[in-house]
Amino acid sequence: MTKQDVGIYHFISVASVLIAIAFFVDPCRVPYNKRKDCGYHGITVPTCLGAGKLILMFNDVSVLIKMLLVAFVIIGTTYAAWKQANMPQATLSIYLMMSAYTWYAISGCCYDSNGPEELPHCYH
């Protein structure tokens, strides 16, 4: 096996792990009594899913620290995996985009209009 073959197998394994994390980790599976509000009354679904995370991070410093720590771990681990694989520098952007998407997928806000009215519909 050549060095390039090892790099390709390494890339496939890292991509598979990141895809599995993004696919199987469900940030929306939160009990009603543990939901943190990501928005405001009357927030729309696109605003909740797009900007809800920002609203939550700026309203609760502990959430901001947790999200930054998760981002650091995911992106740092992905960078270390890229460095170990000895892939060309041009592939670094692909590794970082995969890790950024994984972070976004597991740390985003969710919208549920089926719960009781007094509970947040846009939550994390």
PDB file of N, CA and C in Angstrom:
ATOM      1  N   MET A   1       0.840  -1.177   0.000  1.00  0.00           N
ATOM      2  CA  MET A   1       0.000   0.000   0.000  1.00  0.00           C
ATOM      3  C   MET A   1       0.888   1.244   0.000  1.00  0.00           C
ATOM      4  N   THR A   2       0.539   2.191  -0.845  1.00  0.00           N
ATOM      5  CA  THR A   2       1.320   3.417  -0.928  1.00  0.00           C
ATOM      6  C   THR A   2       0.890   4.392   0.156  1.00  0.00           C
ATOM      7  N   LYS A   3       1.676   5.433   0.323  1.00  0.00           N
ATOM      8  CA  LYS A   3       1.376   6.468   1.304  1.00  0.00           C
ATOM      9  C   LYS A   3       0.050   7.159   0.962  1.00  0.00           C
ATOM     10  N   GLN A   4      -0.224   7.334  -0.329  1.00  0.00           N
ATOM     11  CA  GLN A   4      -1.464   7.968  -0.754  1.00  0.00           C
ATOM     12  C   GLN A   4      -2.674   7.086  -0.427  1.00  0.00           C
ATOM     13  N   ASP A   5      -2.529   5.769  -0.569  1.00  0.00           N
ATOM     14  CA  ASP A   5      -3.619   4.856  -0.222  1.00  0.00           C
ATOM     15  C   ASP A   5      -3.950   4.939   1.262  1.00  0.00           C
ATOM     16  N   VAL A   6      -2.922   4.996   2.099  1.00  0.00           N
ATOM     17  CA  VAL A   6      -3.134   5.112   3.538  1.00  0.00           C
ATOM     18  C   VAL A   6      -3.868   6.406   3.855  1.00  0.00           C
ATOM     19  N   GLY A   7      -3.491   7.494   3.205  1.00  0.00           N
ATOM     20  CA  GLY A   7      -4.159   8.774   3.414  1.00  0.00           C
ATOM     21  C   GLY A   7      -5.624   8.734   3.019  1.00  0.00           C
ATOM     22  N   ILE A   8      -5.935   8.063   1.933  1.00  0.00           N
ATOM     23  CA  ILE A   8      -7.328   7.964   1.488  1.00  0.00           C
ATOM     24  C   ILE A   8      -8.143   7.135   2.476  1.00  0.00           C
ATOM     25  N   TYR A   9      -7.595   6.025   2.948  1.00  0.00           N
ATOM     26  CA  TYR A   9      -8.297   5.213   3.944  1.00  0.00           C
ATOM     27  C   TYR A   9      -8.493   5.987   5.245  1.00  0.00           C
ATOM     28  N   HIS A  10      -7.499   6.750   5.604  1.00  0.00           N
ATOM     29  CA  HIS A  10      -7.600   7.582   6.805  1.00  0.00           C
ATOM     30  C   HIS A  10      -8.702   8.622   6.634  1.00  0.00           C
ATOM     31  N   PHE A  11      -8.739   9.266   5.483  1.00  0.00           N
ATOM     32  CA  PHE A  11      -9.779  10.255   5.202  1.00  0.00           C
ATOM     33  C   PHE A  11     -11.163   9.622   5.286  1.00  0.00           C
ATOM     34  N   ILE A  12     -11.333   8.453   4.697  1.00  0.00           N
ATOM     35  CA  ILE A  12     -12.627   7.769   4.718  1.00  0.00           C
ATOM     36  C   ILE A  12     -13.030   7.426   6.151  1.00  0.00           C
ATOM     37  N   SER A  13     -12.080   7.008   6.971  1.00  0.00           N
ATOM     38  CA  SER A  13     -12.416   6.663   8.356  1.00  0.00           C
ATOM     39  C   SER A  13     -12.804   7.905   9.163  1.00  0.00           C
ATOM     40  N   VAL A  14     -12.077   9.010   8.991  1.00  0.00           N
ATOM     41  CA  VAL A  14     -12.421  10.250   9.697  1.00  0.00           C
ATOM     42  C   VAL A  14     -13.783  10.759   9.226  1.00  0.00           C
ATOM     43  N   ALA A  15     -14.016  10.752   7.928  1.00  0.00           N
ATOM     44  CA  ALA A  15     -15.308  11.199   7.398  1.00  0.00           C
ATOM     45  C   ALA A  15     -16.441  10.321   7.925  1.00  0.00           C
ATOM     46  N   SER A  16     -16.218   9.022   7.999  1.00  0.00           N
ATOM     47  CA  SER A  16     -17.249   8.112   8.501  1.00  0.00           C
ATOM     48  C   SER A  16     -17.592   8.392   9.959  1.00  0.00           C
ATOM     49  N   VAL A  17     -16.585   8.652  10.769  1.00  0.00           N
ATOM     50  CA  VAL A  17     -16.829   8.955  12.180  1.00  0.00           C
ATOM     51  C   VAL A  17     -17.611  10.258  12.320  1.00  0.00           C
ATOM     52  N   LEU A  18     -17.204  11.289  11.588  1.00  0.00           N
ATOM     53  CA  LEU A  18     -17.903  12.576  11.681  1.00  0.00           C
ATOM     54  C   LEU A  18     -19.338  12.468  11.182  1.00  0.00           C
ATOM     55  N   ILE A  19     -19.554  11.749  10.108  1.00  0.00           N
ATOM     56  CA  ILE A  19     -20.912  11.567   9.589  1.00  0.00           C
ATOM     57  C   ILE A  19     -21.757  10.782  10.594  1.00  0.00           C
ATOM     58  N   ALA A  20     -21.176   9.761  11.205  1.00  0.00           N
ATOM     59  CA  ALA A  20     -21.913   8.977  12.200  1.00  0.00           C
ATOM     60  C   ALA A  20     -22.296   9.837  13.401  1.00  0.00           C
ATOM     61  N   ILE A  21     -21.384  10.685  13.859  1.00  0.00           N
ATOM     62  CA  ILE A  21     -21.700  11.578  14.980  1.00  0.00           C
ATOM     63  C   ILE A  21     -22.838  12.514  14.600  1.00  0.00           C
ATOM     64  N   ALA A  22     -22.747  13.147  13.444  1.00  0.00           N
ATOM     65  CA  ALA A  22     -23.784  14.092  13.021  1.00  0.00           C
ATOM     66  C   ALA A  22     -25.119  13.392  12.803  1.00  0.00           C
ATOM     67  N   PHE A  23     -25.094  12.147  12.361  1.00  0.00           N
ATOM     68  CA  PHE A  23     -26.323  11.429  12.049  1.00  0.00           C
ATOM     69  C   PHE A  23     -26.987  10.834  13.290  1.00  0.00           C
ATOM     70  N   PHE A  24     -26.191  10.280  14.205  1.00  0.00           N
ATOM     71  CA  PHE A  24     -26.763   9.549  15.332  1.00  0.00           C
ATOM     72  C   PHE A  24     -26.961  10.377  16.596  1.00  0.00           C
ATOM     73  N   VAL A  25     -26.255  11.480  16.756  1.00  0.00           N
ATOM     74  CA  VAL A  25     -26.455  12.330  17.925  1.00  0.00           C
ATOM     75  C   VAL A  25     -27.644  13.240  17.641  1.00  0.00           C
ATOM     76  N   ASP A  26     -28.666  13.131  18.463  1.00  0.00           N
ATOM     77  CA  ASP A  26     -29.890  13.907  18.255  1.00  0.00           C
ATOM     78  C   ASP A  26     -30.010  14.988  19.327  1.00  0.00           C
ATOM     79  N   PRO A  27     -29.664  16.237  19.000  1.00  0.00           N
ATOM     80  CA  PRO A  27     -29.746  17.297  20.004  1.00  0.00           C
ATOM     81  C   PRO A  27     -31.189  17.675  20.341  1.00  0.00           C
ATOM     82  N   CYS A  28     -32.141  17.164  19.597  1.00  0.00           N
ATOM     83  CA  CYS A  28     -33.548  17.511  19.840  1.00  0.00           C
ATOM     84  C   CYS A  28     -34.228  16.575  20.835  1.00  0.00           C
ATOM     85  N   ARG A  29     -33.557  15.538  21.240  1.00  0.00           N
ATOM     86  CA  ARG A  29     -34.143  14.593  22.186  1.00  0.00           C
ATOM     87  C   ARG A  29     -33.871  15.101  23.603  1.00  0.00           C
ATOM     88  N   VAL A  30     -34.602  16.139  23.987  1.00  0.00           N
ATOM     89  CA  VAL A  30     -34.442  16.772  25.294  1.00  0.00           C
ATOM     90  C   VAL A  30     -35.795  16.717  26.002  1.00  0.00           C
ATOM     91  N   PRO A  31     -35.849  16.224  27.245  1.00  0.00           N
ATOM     92  CA  PRO A  31     -37.125  16.203  27.963  1.00  0.00           C
ATOM     93  C   PRO A  31     -37.674  17.626  28.131  1.00  0.00           C
ATOM     94  N   TYR A  32     -38.985  17.741  28.214  1.00  0.00           N
ATOM     95  CA  TYR A  32     -39.625  19.054  28.324  1.00  0.00           C
ATOM     96  C   TYR A  32     -39.062  19.880  29.476  1.00  0.00           C
ATOM     97  N   ASN A  33     -38.806  19.255  30.610  1.00  0.00           N
ATOM     98  CA  ASN A  33     -38.375  20.017  31.786  1.00  0.00           C
ATOM     99  C   ASN A  33     -36.913  20.445  31.726  1.00  0.00           C
ATOM    100  N   LYS A  34     -36.129  19.974  30.751  1.00  0.00           N
ATOM    101  CA  LYS A  34     -34.704  20.336  30.649  1.00  0.00           C
ATOM    102  C   LYS A  34     -34.407  21.234  29.448  1.00  0.00           C
ATOM    103  N   ARG A  35     -35.420  21.652  28.732  1.00  0.00           N
ATOM    104  CA  ARG A  35     -35.202  22.475  27.544  1.00  0.00           C
ATOM    105  C   ARG A  35     -34.784  23.891  27.911  1.00  0.00           C
ATOM    106  N   LYS A  36     -33.754  24.383  27.194  1.00  0.00           N
ATOM    107  CA  LYS A  36     -33.324  25.768  27.348  1.00  0.00           C
ATOM    108  C   LYS A  36     -33.843  26.551  26.157  1.00  0.00           C
ATOM    109  N   ASP A  37     -34.411  27.697  26.429  1.00  0.00           N
ATOM    110  CA  ASP A  37     -35.024  28.514  25.385  1.00  0.00           C
ATOM    111  C   ASP A  37     -33.957  29.107  24.481  1.00  0.00           C
ATOM    112  N   CYS A  38     -34.120  28.929  23.163  1.00  0.00           N
ATOM    113  CA  CYS A  38     -33.186  29.478  22.178  1.00  0.00           C
ATOM    114  C   CYS A  38     -33.726  30.740  21.512  1.00  0.00           C
ATOM    115  N   GLY A  39     -34.912  31.110  21.816  1.00  0.00           N
ATOM    116  CA  GLY A  39     -35.493  32.221  21.063  1.00  0.00           C
ATOM    117  C   GLY A  39     -36.390  33.100  21.907  1.00  0.00           C
ATOM    118  N   TYR A  40     -37.523  33.431  21.347  1.00  0.00           N
ATOM    119  CA  TYR A  40     -38.478  34.327  21.957  1.00  0.00           C
ATOM    120  C   TYR A  40     -39.861  33.897  21.497  1.00  0.00           C
ATOM    121  N   HIS A  41     -40.884  34.425  22.137  1.00  0.00           N
ATOM    122  CA  HIS A  41     -42.246  34.056  21.772  1.00  0.00           C
ATOM    123  C   HIS A  41     -42.542  34.485  20.333  1.00  0.00           C
ATOM    124  N   GLY A  42     -43.043  33.568  19.548  1.00  0.00           N
ATOM    125  CA  GLY A  42     -43.389  33.867  18.158  1.00  0.00           C
ATOM    126  C   GLY A  42     -42.246  33.681  17.179  1.00  0.00           C
ATOM    127  N   ILE A  43     -41.142  33.085  17.616  1.00  0.00           N
ATOM    128  CA  ILE A  43     -40.007  32.882  16.713  1.00  0.00           C
ATOM    129  C   ILE A  43     -40.411  31.917  15.595  1.00  0.00           C
ATOM    130  N   THR A  44     -39.939  32.184  14.398  1.00  0.00           N
ATOM    131  CA  THR A  44     -40.263  31.315  13.265  1.00  0.00           C
ATOM    132  C   THR A  44     -39.277  30.145  13.220  1.00  0.00           C
ATOM    133  N   VAL A  45     -39.650  29.103  12.498  1.00  0.00           N
ATOM    134  CA  VAL A  45     -38.786  27.914  12.397  1.00  0.00           C
ATOM    135  C   VAL A  45     -37.431  28.265  11.782  1.00  0.00           C
ATOM    136  N   PRO A  46     -37.369  28.994  10.643  1.00  0.00           N
ATOM    137  CA  PRO A  46     -36.050  29.309  10.073  1.00  0.00           C
ATOM    138  C   PRO A  46     -35.178  30.147  11.010  1.00  0.00           C
ATOM    139  N   THR A  47     -35.784  31.090  11.720  1.00  0.00           N
ATOM    140  CA  THR A  47     -35.011  31.910  12.649  1.00  0.00           C
ATOM    141  C   THR A  47     -34.495  31.064  13.804  1.00  0.00           C
ATOM    142  N   CYS A  48     -35.335  30.171  14.290  1.00  0.00           N
ATOM    143  CA  CYS A  48     -34.926  29.278  15.378  1.00  0.00           C
ATOM    144  C   CYS A  48     -33.752  28.414  14.961  1.00  0.00           C
ATOM    145  N   LEU A  49     -33.863  27.769  13.830  1.00  0.00           N
ATOM    146  CA  LEU A  49     -32.821  26.849  13.389  1.00  0.00           C
ATOM    147  C   LEU A  49     -31.553  27.573  12.952  1.00  0.00           C
ATOM    148  N   GLY A  50     -31.692  28.782  12.415  1.00  0.00           N
ATOM    149  CA  GLY A  50     -30.530  29.520  11.930  1.00  0.00           C
ATOM    150  C   GLY A  50     -29.861  30.373  12.978  1.00  0.00           C
ATOM    151  N   ALA A  51     -30.647  31.159  13.719  1.00  0.00           N
ATOM    152  CA  ALA A  51     -30.069  32.116  14.661  1.00  0.00           C
ATOM    153  C   ALA A  51     -30.312  31.752  16.114  1.00  0.00           C
ATOM    154  N   GLY A  52     -31.086  30.706  16.371  1.00  0.00           N
ATOM    155  CA  GLY A  52     -31.388  30.326  17.749  1.00  0.00           C
ATOM    156  C   GLY A  52     -30.156  30.032  18.567  1.00  0.00           C
ATOM    157  N   LYS A  53     -29.176  29.400  17.948  1.00  0.00           N
ATOM    158  CA  LYS A  53     -27.931  29.072  18.648  1.00  0.00           C
ATOM    159  C   LYS A  53     -27.223  30.350  19.102  1.00  0.00           C
ATOM    160  N   LEU A  54     -27.222  31.367  18.255  1.00  0.00           N
ATOM    161  CA  LEU A  54     -26.582  32.636  18.624  1.00  0.00           C
ATOM    162  C   LEU A  54     -27.324  33.305  19.767  1.00  0.00           C
ATOM    163  N   ILE A  55     -28.660  33.280  19.706  1.00  0.00           N
ATOM    164  CA  ILE A  55     -29.465  33.873  20.777  1.00  0.00           C
ATOM    165  C   ILE A  55     -29.159  33.173  22.092  1.00  0.00           C
ATOM    166  N   LEU A  56     -29.112  31.853  22.059  1.00  0.00           N
ATOM    167  CA  LEU A  56     -28.847  31.075  23.273  1.00  0.00           C
ATOM    168  C   LEU A  56     -27.448  31.342  23.804  1.00  0.00           C
ATOM    169  N   MET A  57     -26.446  31.384  22.930  1.00  0.00           N
ATOM    170  CA  MET A  57     -25.070  31.579  23.375  1.00  0.00           C
ATOM    171  C   MET A  57     -24.877  32.941  24.030  1.00  0.00           C
ATOM    172  N   PHE A  58     -25.535  33.973  23.511  1.00  0.00           N
ATOM    173  CA  PHE A  58     -25.338  35.304  24.076  1.00  0.00           C
ATOM    174  C   PHE A  58     -26.188  35.534  25.315  1.00  0.00           C
ATOM    175  N   ASN A  59     -27.195  34.686  25.549  1.00  0.00           N
ATOM    176  CA  ASN A  59     -28.024  34.817  26.747  1.00  0.00           C
ATOM    177  C   ASN A  59     -27.526  33.959  27.899  1.00  0.00           C
ATOM    178  N   ASP A  60     -26.719  32.948  27.630  1.00  0.00           N
ATOM    179  CA  ASP A  60     -26.271  32.021  28.666  1.00  0.00           C
ATOM    180  C   ASP A  60     -24.790  31.708  28.431  1.00  0.00           C
ATOM    181  N   VAL A  61     -23.935  32.266  29.284  1.00  0.00           N
ATOM    182  CA  VAL A  61     -22.492  32.125  29.112  1.00  0.00           C
ATOM    183  C   VAL A  61     -22.051  30.665  29.249  1.00  0.00           C
ATOM    184  N   SER A  62     -22.714  29.881  30.102  1.00  0.00           N
ATOM    185  CA  SER A  62     -22.323  28.479  30.267  1.00  0.00           C
ATOM    186  C   SER A  62     -22.548  27.700  28.971  1.00  0.00           C
ATOM    187  N   VAL A  63     -23.600  28.030  28.242  1.00  0.00           N
ATOM    188  CA  VAL A  63     -23.859  27.385  26.953  1.00  0.00           C
ATOM    189  C   VAL A  63     -22.795  27.805  25.941  1.00  0.00           C
ATOM    190  N   LEU A  64     -22.417  29.072  25.958  1.00  0.00           N
ATOM    191  CA  LEU A  64     -21.366  29.559  25.068  1.00  0.00           C
ATOM    192  C   LEU A  64     -20.063  28.804  25.313  1.00  0.00           C
ATOM    193  N   ILE A  65     -19.693  28.649  26.571  1.00  0.00           N
ATOM    194  CA  ILE A  65     -18.446  27.946  26.904  1.00  0.00           C
ATOM    195  C   ILE A  65     -18.532  26.487  26.465  1.00  0.00           C
ATOM    196  N   LYS A  66     -19.664  25.842  26.712  1.00  0.00           N
ATOM    197  CA  LYS A  66     -19.827  24.438  26.322  1.00  0.00           C
ATOM    198  C   LYS A  66     -19.733  24.273  24.810  1.00  0.00           C
ATOM    199  N   MET A  67     -20.408  25.150  24.057  1.00  0.00           N
ATOM    200  CA  MET A  67     -20.387  25.048  22.593  1.00  0.00           C
ATOM    201  C   MET A  67     -18.994  25.315  22.036  1.00  0.00           C
ATOM    202  N   LEU A  68     -18.280  26.270  22.607  1.00  0.00           N
ATOM    203  CA  LEU A  68     -16.918  26.545  22.151  1.00  0.00           C
ATOM    204  C   LEU A  68     -15.984  25.388  22.478  1.00  0.00           C
ATOM    205  N   LEU A  69     -16.176  24.753  23.635  1.00  0.00           N
ATOM    206  CA  LEU A  69     -15.360  23.606  24.004  1.00  0.00           C
ATOM    207  C   LEU A  69     -15.610  22.437  23.059  1.00  0.00           C
ATOM    208  N   VAL A  70     -16.874  22.166  22.749  1.00  0.00           N
ATOM    209  CA  VAL A  70     -17.201  21.088  21.816  1.00  0.00           C
ATOM    210  C   VAL A  70     -16.600  21.389  20.441  1.00  0.00           C
ATOM    211  N   ALA A  71     -16.721  22.640  19.985  1.00  0.00           N
ATOM    212  CA  ALA A  71     -16.153  23.021  18.690  1.00  0.00           C
ATOM    213  C   ALA A  71     -14.637  22.833  18.696  1.00  0.00           C
ATOM    214  N   PHE A  72     -13.985  23.241  19.772  1.00  0.00           N
ATOM    215  CA  PHE A  72     -12.527  23.095  19.873  1.00  0.00           C
ATOM    216  C   PHE A  72     -12.127  21.626  19.815  1.00  0.00           C
ATOM    217  N   VAL A  73     -12.843  20.764  20.531  1.00  0.00           N
ATOM    218  CA  VAL A  73     -12.513  19.342  20.550  1.00  0.00           C
ATOM    219  C   VAL A  73     -12.707  18.721  19.168  1.00  0.00           C
ATOM    220  N   ILE A  74     -13.848  18.994  18.540  1.00  0.00           N
ATOM    221  CA  ILE A  74     -14.129  18.389  17.228  1.00  0.00           C
ATOM    222  C   ILE A  74     -13.151  18.886  16.175  1.00  0.00           C
ATOM    223  N   ILE A  75     -12.971  20.193  16.095  1.00  0.00           N
ATOM    224  CA  ILE A  75     -12.093  20.752  15.068  1.00  0.00           C
ATOM    225  C   ILE A  75     -10.631  20.407  15.368  1.00  0.00           C
ATOM    226  N   GLY A  76     -10.233  20.444  16.645  1.00  0.00           N
ATOM    227  CA  GLY A  76      -8.864  20.093  16.998  1.00  0.00           C
ATOM    228  C   GLY A  76      -8.536  18.635  16.706  1.00  0.00           C
ATOM    229  N   THR A  77      -9.472  17.752  17.017  1.00  0.00           N
ATOM    230  CA  THR A  77      -9.267  16.335  16.737  1.00  0.00           C
ATOM    231  C   THR A  77      -9.192  16.078  15.238  1.00  0.00           C
ATOM    232  N   THR A  78     -10.051  16.745  14.494  1.00  0.00           N
ATOM    233  CA  THR A  78     -10.033  16.582  13.040  1.00  0.00           C
ATOM    234  C   THR A  78      -8.727  17.107  12.458  1.00  0.00           C
ATOM    235  N   TYR A  79      -8.241  18.245  12.960  1.00  0.00           N
ATOM    236  CA  TYR A  79      -6.963  18.785  12.483  1.00  0.00           C
ATOM    237  C   TYR A  79      -5.820  17.814  12.791  1.00  0.00           C
ATOM    238  N   ALA A  80      -5.829  17.237  13.995  1.00  0.00           N
ATOM    239  CA  ALA A  80      -4.783  16.278  14.354  1.00  0.00           C
ATOM    240  C   ALA A  80      -4.842  15.046  13.447  1.00  0.00           C
ATOM    241  N   ALA A  81      -6.050  14.612  13.124  1.00  0.00           N
ATOM    242  CA  ALA A  81      -6.196  13.459  12.219  1.00  0.00           C
ATOM    243  C   ALA A  81      -5.665  13.798  10.830  1.00  0.00           C
ATOM    244  N   TRP A  82      -5.936  15.013  10.368  1.00  0.00           N
ATOM    245  CA  TRP A  82      -5.427  15.441   9.050  1.00  0.00           C
ATOM    246  C   TRP A  82      -3.899  15.479   9.072  1.00  0.00           C
ATOM    247  N   LYS A  83      -3.351  16.013  10.143  1.00  0.00           N
ATOM    248  CA  LYS A  83      -1.896  16.138  10.252  1.00  0.00           C
ATOM    249  C   LYS A  83      -1.240  14.751  10.275  1.00  0.00           C
ATOM    250  N   GLN A  84      -1.858  13.809  10.976  1.00  0.00           N
ATOM    251  CA  GLN A  84      -1.303  12.467  11.069  1.00  0.00           C
ATOM    252  C   GLN A  84      -1.381  11.741   9.734  1.00  0.00           C
ATOM    253  N   ALA A  85      -2.405  12.032   8.927  1.00  0.00           N
ATOM    254  CA  ALA A  85      -2.590  11.338   7.657  1.00  0.00           C
ATOM    255  C   ALA A  85      -1.604  11.811   6.581  1.00  0.00           C
ATOM    256  N   ASN A  86      -0.907  12.917   6.827  1.00  0.00           N
ATOM    257  CA  ASN A  86       0.022  13.482   5.846  1.00  0.00           C
ATOM    258  C   ASN A  86      -0.648  13.742   4.503  1.00  0.00           C
ATOM    259  N   MET A  87      -1.868  14.241   4.571  1.00  0.00           N
ATOM    260  CA  MET A  87      -2.596  14.570   3.348  1.00  0.00           C
ATOM    261  C   MET A  87      -2.101  15.924   2.826  1.00  0.00           C
ATOM    262  N   PRO A  88      -2.312  16.207   1.546  1.00  0.00           N
ATOM    263  CA  PRO A  88      -1.920  17.514   1.006  1.00  0.00           C
ATOM    264  C   PRO A  88      -2.661  18.647   1.726  1.00  0.00           C
ATOM    265  N   GLN A  89      -2.033  19.803   1.757  1.00  0.00           N
ATOM    266  CA  GLN A  89      -2.615  20.939   2.471  1.00  0.00           C
ATOM    267  C   GLN A  89      -3.972  21.349   1.902  1.00  0.00           C
ATOM    268  N   ALA A  90      -4.185  21.092   0.636  1.00  0.00           N
ATOM    269  CA  ALA A  90      -5.462  21.450   0.015  1.00  0.00           C
ATOM    270  C   ALA A  90      -6.632  20.685   0.633  1.00  0.00           C
ATOM    271  N   THR A  91      -6.383  19.531   1.230  1.00  0.00           N
ATOM    272  CA  THR A  91      -7.467  18.745   1.821  1.00  0.00           C
ATOM    273  C   THR A  91      -7.843  19.224   3.223  1.00  0.00           C
ATOM    274  N   LEU A  92      -7.048  20.093   3.818  1.00  0.00           N
ATOM    275  CA  LEU A  92      -7.352  20.593   5.159  1.00  0.00           C
ATOM    276  C   LEU A  92      -8.722  21.262   5.197  1.00  0.00           C
ATOM    277  N   SER A  93      -9.058  22.025   4.161  1.00  0.00           N
ATOM    278  CA  SER A  93     -10.357  22.699   4.150  1.00  0.00           C
ATOM    279  C   SER A  93     -11.509  21.695   4.166  1.00  0.00           C
ATOM    280  N   ILE A  94     -11.340  20.556   3.501  1.00  0.00           N
ATOM    281  CA  ILE A  94     -12.387  19.530   3.500  1.00  0.00           C
ATOM    282  C   ILE A  94     -12.543  18.957   4.909  1.00  0.00           C
ATOM    283  N   TYR A  95     -11.433  18.654   5.578  1.00  0.00           N
ATOM    284  CA  TYR A  95     -11.495  18.144   6.945  1.00  0.00           C
ATOM    285  C   TYR A  95     -12.183  19.160   7.861  1.00  0.00           C
ATOM    286  N   LEU A  96     -11.809  20.431   7.754  1.00  0.00           N
ATOM    287  CA  LEU A  96     -12.376  21.449   8.633  1.00  0.00           C
ATOM    288  C   LEU A  96     -13.853  21.699   8.336  1.00  0.00           C
ATOM    289  N   MET A  97     -14.262  21.635   7.067  1.00  0.00           N
ATOM    290  CA  MET A  97     -15.688  21.788   6.752  1.00  0.00           C
ATOM    291  C   MET A  97     -16.498  20.630   7.323  1.00  0.00           C
ATOM    292  N   MET A  98     -15.965  19.421   7.245  1.00  0.00           N
ATOM    293  CA  MET A  98     -16.670  18.271   7.826  1.00  0.00           C
ATOM    294  C   MET A  98     -16.817  18.427   9.334  1.00  0.00           C
ATOM    295  N   SER A  99     -15.763  18.877   9.998  1.00  0.00           N
ATOM    296  CA  SER A  99     -15.841  19.029  11.450  1.00  0.00           C
ATOM    297  C   SER A  99     -16.754  20.189  11.836  1.00  0.00           C
ATOM    298  N   ALA A 100     -16.744  21.277  11.068  1.00  0.00           N
ATOM    299  CA  ALA A 100     -17.636  22.399  11.361  1.00  0.00           C
ATOM    300  C   ALA A 100     -19.096  21.993  11.186  1.00  0.00           C
ATOM    301  N   TYR A 101     -19.395  21.207  10.152  1.00  0.00           N
ATOM    302  CA  TYR A 101     -20.761  20.728   9.964  1.00  0.00           C
ATOM    303  C   TYR A 101     -21.178  19.813  11.112  1.00  0.00           C
ATOM    304  N   THR A 102     -20.286  18.955  11.551  1.00  0.00           N
ATOM    305  CA  THR A 102     -20.596  18.063  12.669  1.00  0.00           C
ATOM    306  C   THR A 102     -20.905  18.876  13.920  1.00  0.00           C
ATOM    307  N   TRP A 103     -20.098  19.889  14.192  1.00  0.00           N
ATOM    308  CA  TRP A 103     -20.348  20.754  15.349  1.00  0.00           C
ATOM    309  C   TRP A 103     -21.698  21.433  15.218  1.00  0.00           C
ATOM    310  N   TYR A 104     -22.008  21.955  14.056  1.00  0.00           N
ATOM    311  CA  TYR A 104     -23.289  22.633  13.847  1.00  0.00           C
ATOM    312  C   TYR A 104     -24.458  21.662  14.031  1.00  0.00           C
ATOM    313  N   ALA A 105     -24.308  20.443  13.531  1.00  0.00           N
ATOM    314  CA  ALA A 105     -25.392  19.467  13.602  1.00  0.00           C
ATOM    315  C   ALA A 105     -25.697  19.040  15.030  1.00  0.00           C
ATOM    316  N   ILE A 106     -24.679  18.939  15.879  1.00  0.00           N
ATOM    317  CA  ILE A 106     -24.940  18.450  17.237  1.00  0.00           C
ATOM    318  C   ILE A 106     -25.157  19.569  18.249  1.00  0.00           C
ATOM    319  N   SER A 107     -24.959  20.813  17.872  1.00  0.00           N
ATOM    320  CA  SER A 107     -25.107  21.896  18.844  1.00  0.00           C
ATOM    321  C   SER A 107     -26.202  22.879  18.463  1.00  0.00           C
ATOM    322  N   GLY A 108     -26.987  22.574  17.470  1.00  0.00           N
ATOM    323  CA  GLY A 108     -28.014  23.504  17.017  1.00  0.00           C
ATOM    324  C   GLY A 108     -29.245  23.505  17.893  1.00  0.00           C
ATOM    325  N   CYS A 109     -30.132  24.439  17.642  1.00  0.00           N
ATOM    326  CA  CYS A 109     -31.406  24.520  18.334  1.00  0.00           C
ATOM    327  C   CYS A 109     -32.454  23.733  17.549  1.00  0.00           C
ATOM    328  N   CYS A 110     -33.500  23.356  18.242  1.00  0.00           N
ATOM    329  CA  CYS A 110     -34.569  22.554  17.651  1.00  0.00           C
ATOM    330  C   CYS A 110     -35.889  23.300  17.785  1.00  0.00           C
ATOM    331  N   TYR A 111     -36.837  22.958  16.945  1.00  0.00           N
ATOM    332  CA  TYR A 111     -38.153  23.588  16.994  1.00  0.00           C
ATOM    333  C   TYR A 111     -39.216  22.510  17.115  1.00  0.00           C
ATOM    334  N   ASP A 112     -40.100  22.685  18.094  1.00  0.00           N
ATOM    335  CA  ASP A 112     -41.184  21.731  18.325  1.00  0.00           C
ATOM    336  C   ASP A 112     -42.409  22.512  18.756  1.00  0.00           C
ATOM    337  N   SER A 113     -43.403  22.585  17.885  1.00  0.00           N
ATOM    338  CA  SER A 113     -44.625  23.329  18.215  1.00  0.00           C
ATOM    339  C   SER A 113     -45.682  22.434  18.839  1.00  0.00           C
ATOM    340  N   ASN A 114     -45.370  21.151  19.062  1.00  0.00           N
ATOM    341  CA  ASN A 114     -46.353  20.213  19.597  1.00  0.00           C
ATOM    342  C   ASN A 114     -46.392  20.176  21.118  1.00  0.00           C
ATOM    343  N   GLY A 115     -45.411  20.739  21.788  1.00  0.00           N
ATOM    344  CA  GLY A 115     -45.370  20.690  23.244  1.00  0.00           C
ATOM    345  C   GLY A 115     -46.342  21.667  23.880  1.00  0.00           C
ATOM    346  N   PRO A 116     -46.416  21.641  25.206  1.00  0.00           N
ATOM    347  CA  PRO A 116     -47.282  22.589  25.914  1.00  0.00           C
ATOM    348  C   PRO A 116     -46.907  24.032  25.607  1.00  0.00           C
ATOM    349  N   GLU A 117     -47.873  24.906  25.631  1.00  0.00           N
ATOM    350  CA  GLU A 117     -47.676  26.311  25.237  1.00  0.00           C
ATOM    351  C   GLU A 117     -46.680  27.039  26.144  1.00  0.00           C
ATOM    352  N   GLU A 118     -46.625  26.654  27.436  1.00  0.00           N
ATOM    353  CA  GLU A 118     -45.732  27.366  28.362  1.00  0.00           C
ATOM    354  C   GLU A 118     -44.266  26.984  28.197  1.00  0.00           C
ATOM    355  N   LEU A 119     -43.987  25.909  27.468  1.00  0.00           N
ATOM    356  CA  LEU A 119     -42.599  25.497  27.236  1.00  0.00           C
ATOM    357  C   LEU A 119     -42.063  26.121  25.959  1.00  0.00           C
ATOM    358  N   PRO A 120     -40.741  26.317  25.885  1.00  0.00           N
ATOM    359  CA  PRO A 120     -40.165  26.919  24.670  1.00  0.00           C
ATOM    360  C   PRO A 120     -40.333  26.009  23.460  1.00  0.00           C
ATOM    361  N   HIS A 121     -40.696  26.612  22.338  1.00  0.00           N
ATOM    362  CA  HIS A 121     -40.817  25.865  21.088  1.00  0.00           C
ATOM    363  C   HIS A 121     -39.469  25.804  20.380  1.00  0.00           C
ATOM    364  N   CYS A 122     -38.640  26.798  20.577  1.00  0.00           N
ATOM    365  CA  CYS A 122     -37.283  26.815  20.042  1.00  0.00           C
ATOM    366  C   CYS A 122     -36.353  26.545  21.231  1.00  0.00           C
ATOM    367  N   TYR A 123     -35.700  25.396  21.235  1.00  0.00           N
ATOM    368  CA  TYR A 123     -34.983  24.971  22.436  1.00  0.00           C
ATOM    369  C   TYR A 123     -33.687  24.253  22.079  1.00  0.00           C
ATOM    370  N   HIS A 124     -32.901  24.071  23.125  1.00  0.00           N
ATOM    371  CA  HIS A 124     -31.678  23.276  23.035  1.00  0.00           C
ATOM    372  C   HIS A 124     -31.608  22.376  24.239  1.00  0.00           C
TER     373      HIS A 124
END
